[in-house]
Amino acid sequence: MCRNITALRGLDPPATDREIEDAARQFVRKVTGLRSTTQMGRDDVRHAIDLIARATQELLSDLPAPRRAPAGPPGR
């Protein structure tokens, strides 16, 4: 479903807060079907993006480094 979300684990330098938030926003957009800036700016949607970004940050910091670092996100 979220084919455009790039692997953030093991990047060198590590994924930035912005990259993590962008991935969370893409995930929420895909699972909800919301597209407009107005819809994505709702308080409940913004809260979901923040929760997912925090959970992603925690997960990335808890996982061991991968054996082989992934290619960086496009345009990184």
C-alpha atoms as a PDB file:
ATOM      1  CA  MET A   1       0.000   0.000   0.000  1.00  0.00           C
ATOM      2  CA  CYS A   2       2.656   2.582   0.983  1.00  0.00           C
ATOM      3  CA  ARG A   3       5.171   1.838  -1.737  1.00  0.00           C
ATOM      4  CA  ASN A   4       6.524   5.381  -1.707  1.00  0.00           C
ATOM      5  CA  ILE A   5       7.686   5.242   1.897  1.00  0.00           C
ATOM      6  CA  THR A   6      11.433   4.729   1.882  1.00  0.00           C
ATOM      7  CA  ALA A   7      13.237   2.570   4.431  1.00  0.00           C
ATOM      8  CA  LEU A   8      14.676   4.898   7.076  1.00  0.00           C
ATOM      9  CA  ARG A   9      16.554   2.340   9.158  1.00  0.00           C
ATOM     10  CA  GLY A  10      20.321   2.365   8.890  1.00  0.00           C
ATOM     11  CA  LEU A  11      20.738   5.587   6.924  1.00  0.00           C
ATOM     12  CA  ASP A  12      24.029   7.401   7.268  1.00  0.00           C
ATOM     13  CA  PRO A  13      23.542  10.021   8.561  1.00  0.00           C
ATOM     14  CA  PRO A  14      20.472   8.768  10.470  1.00  0.00           C
ATOM     15  CA  ALA A  15      17.001   9.709   9.270  1.00  0.00           C
ATOM     16  CA  THR A  16      16.066  13.255  10.205  1.00  0.00           C
ATOM     17  CA  ASP A  17      12.963  14.235  12.142  1.00  0.00           C
ATOM     18  CA  ARG A  18      11.627  15.713   8.896  1.00  0.00           C
ATOM     19  CA  GLU A  19      12.122  12.438   6.994  1.00  0.00           C
ATOM     20  CA  ILE A  20      10.354  10.518   9.751  1.00  0.00           C
ATOM     21  CA  GLU A  21       7.465  13.006   9.849  1.00  0.00           C
ATOM     22  CA  ASP A  22       7.143  12.898   6.059  1.00  0.00           C
ATOM     23  CA  ALA A  23       6.902   9.087   6.181  1.00  0.00           C
ATOM     24  CA  ALA A  24       4.262   9.307   8.938  1.00  0.00           C
ATOM     25  CA  ARG A  25       2.287  11.861   6.904  1.00  0.00           C
ATOM     26  CA  GLN A  26       2.443   9.620   3.813  1.00  0.00           C
ATOM     27  CA  PHE A  27       1.246   6.638   5.863  1.00  0.00           C
ATOM     28  CA  VAL A  28      -1.714   8.580   7.294  1.00  0.00           C
ATOM     29  CA  ARG A  29      -2.589   9.959   3.867  1.00  0.00           C
ATOM     30  CA  LYS A  30      -2.575   6.463   2.356  1.00  0.00           C
ATOM     31  CA  VAL A  31      -4.595   4.709   5.059  1.00  0.00           C
ATOM     32  CA  THR A  32      -7.197   7.467   5.363  1.00  0.00           C
ATOM     33  CA  GLY A  33      -7.486   8.447   1.715  1.00  0.00           C
ATOM     34  CA  LEU A  34      -7.216  12.112   2.707  1.00  0.00           C
ATOM     35  CA  ARG A  35      -5.533  14.282   0.103  1.00  0.00           C
ATOM     36  CA  SER A  36      -6.189  17.971   0.614  1.00  0.00           C
ATOM     37  CA  THR A  37      -4.025  20.200   2.761  1.00  0.00           C
ATOM     38  CA  THR A  38      -7.122  21.197   4.732  1.00  0.00           C
ATOM     39  CA  GLN A  39      -7.982  17.588   5.551  1.00  0.00           C
ATOM     40  CA  MET A  40      -4.387  16.740   6.462  1.00  0.00           C
ATOM     41  CA  GLY A  41      -4.237  19.792   8.749  1.00  0.00           C
ATOM     42  CA  ARG A  42      -7.121  18.701  10.965  1.00  0.00           C
ATOM     43  CA  ASP A  43      -6.216  18.352  14.640  1.00  0.00           C
ATOM     44  CA  ASP A  44      -7.077  14.639  14.770  1.00  0.00           C
ATOM     45  CA  VAL A  45      -5.023  13.911  11.656  1.00  0.00           C
ATOM     46  CA  ARG A  46      -2.107  16.012  12.919  1.00  0.00           C
ATOM     47  CA  HIS A  47      -2.253  14.096  16.227  1.00  0.00           C
ATOM     48  CA  ALA A  48      -2.112  10.759  14.371  1.00  0.00           C
ATOM     49  CA  ILE A  49       0.895  11.926  12.343  1.00  0.00           C
ATOM     50  CA  ASP A  50       2.684  12.992  15.540  1.00  0.00           C
ATOM     51  CA  LEU A  51       1.972   9.645  17.243  1.00  0.00           C
ATOM     52  CA  ILE A  52       3.197   7.653  14.264  1.00  0.00           C
ATOM     53  CA  ALA A  53       6.320   9.795  13.910  1.00  0.00           C
ATOM     54  CA  ARG A  54       7.165   9.337  17.609  1.00  0.00           C
ATOM     55  CA  ALA A  55       6.574   5.580  17.417  1.00  0.00           C
ATOM     56  CA  THR A  56       8.752   5.408  14.294  1.00  0.00           C
ATOM     57  CA  GLN A  57      11.547   7.371  15.980  1.00  0.00           C
ATOM     58  CA  GLU A  58      11.417   5.042  18.986  1.00  0.00           C
ATOM     59  CA  LEU A  59      11.407   1.949  16.788  1.00  0.00           C
ATOM     60  CA  LEU A  60      14.356   3.147  14.717  1.00  0.00           C
ATOM     61  CA  SER A  61      16.374   3.913  17.834  1.00  0.00           C
ATOM     62  CA  ASP A  62      15.578   0.502  19.379  1.00  0.00           C
ATOM     63  CA  LEU A  63      16.402  -1.655  16.345  1.00  0.00           C
ATOM     64  CA  PRO A  64      19.954  -2.859  15.756  1.00  0.00           C
ATOM     65  CA  ALA A  65      21.763  -1.487  12.717  1.00  0.00           C
ATOM     66  CA  PRO A  66      21.017  -3.430   9.534  1.00  0.00           C
ATOM     67  CA  ARG A  67      23.744  -5.574   8.041  1.00  0.00           C
ATOM     68  CA  ARG A  68      23.672  -3.475   4.897  1.00  0.00           C
ATOM     69  CA  ALA A  69      22.592   0.158   4.895  1.00  0.00           C
ATOM     70  CA  PRO A  70      19.701   0.952   2.542  1.00  0.00           C
ATOM     71  CA  ALA A  71      20.049   3.429  -0.278  1.00  0.00           C
ATOM     72  CA  GLY A  72      19.036   6.881   0.910  1.00  0.00           C
ATOM     73  CA  PRO A  73      15.635   8.335   0.110  1.00  0.00           C
ATOM     74  CA  PRO A  74      15.405  10.013  -3.284  1.00  0.00           C
ATOM     75  CA  GLY A  75      16.847  13.489  -3.199  1.00  0.00           C
ATOM     76  CA  ARG A  76      18.514  12.983   0.161  1.00  0.00           C
END
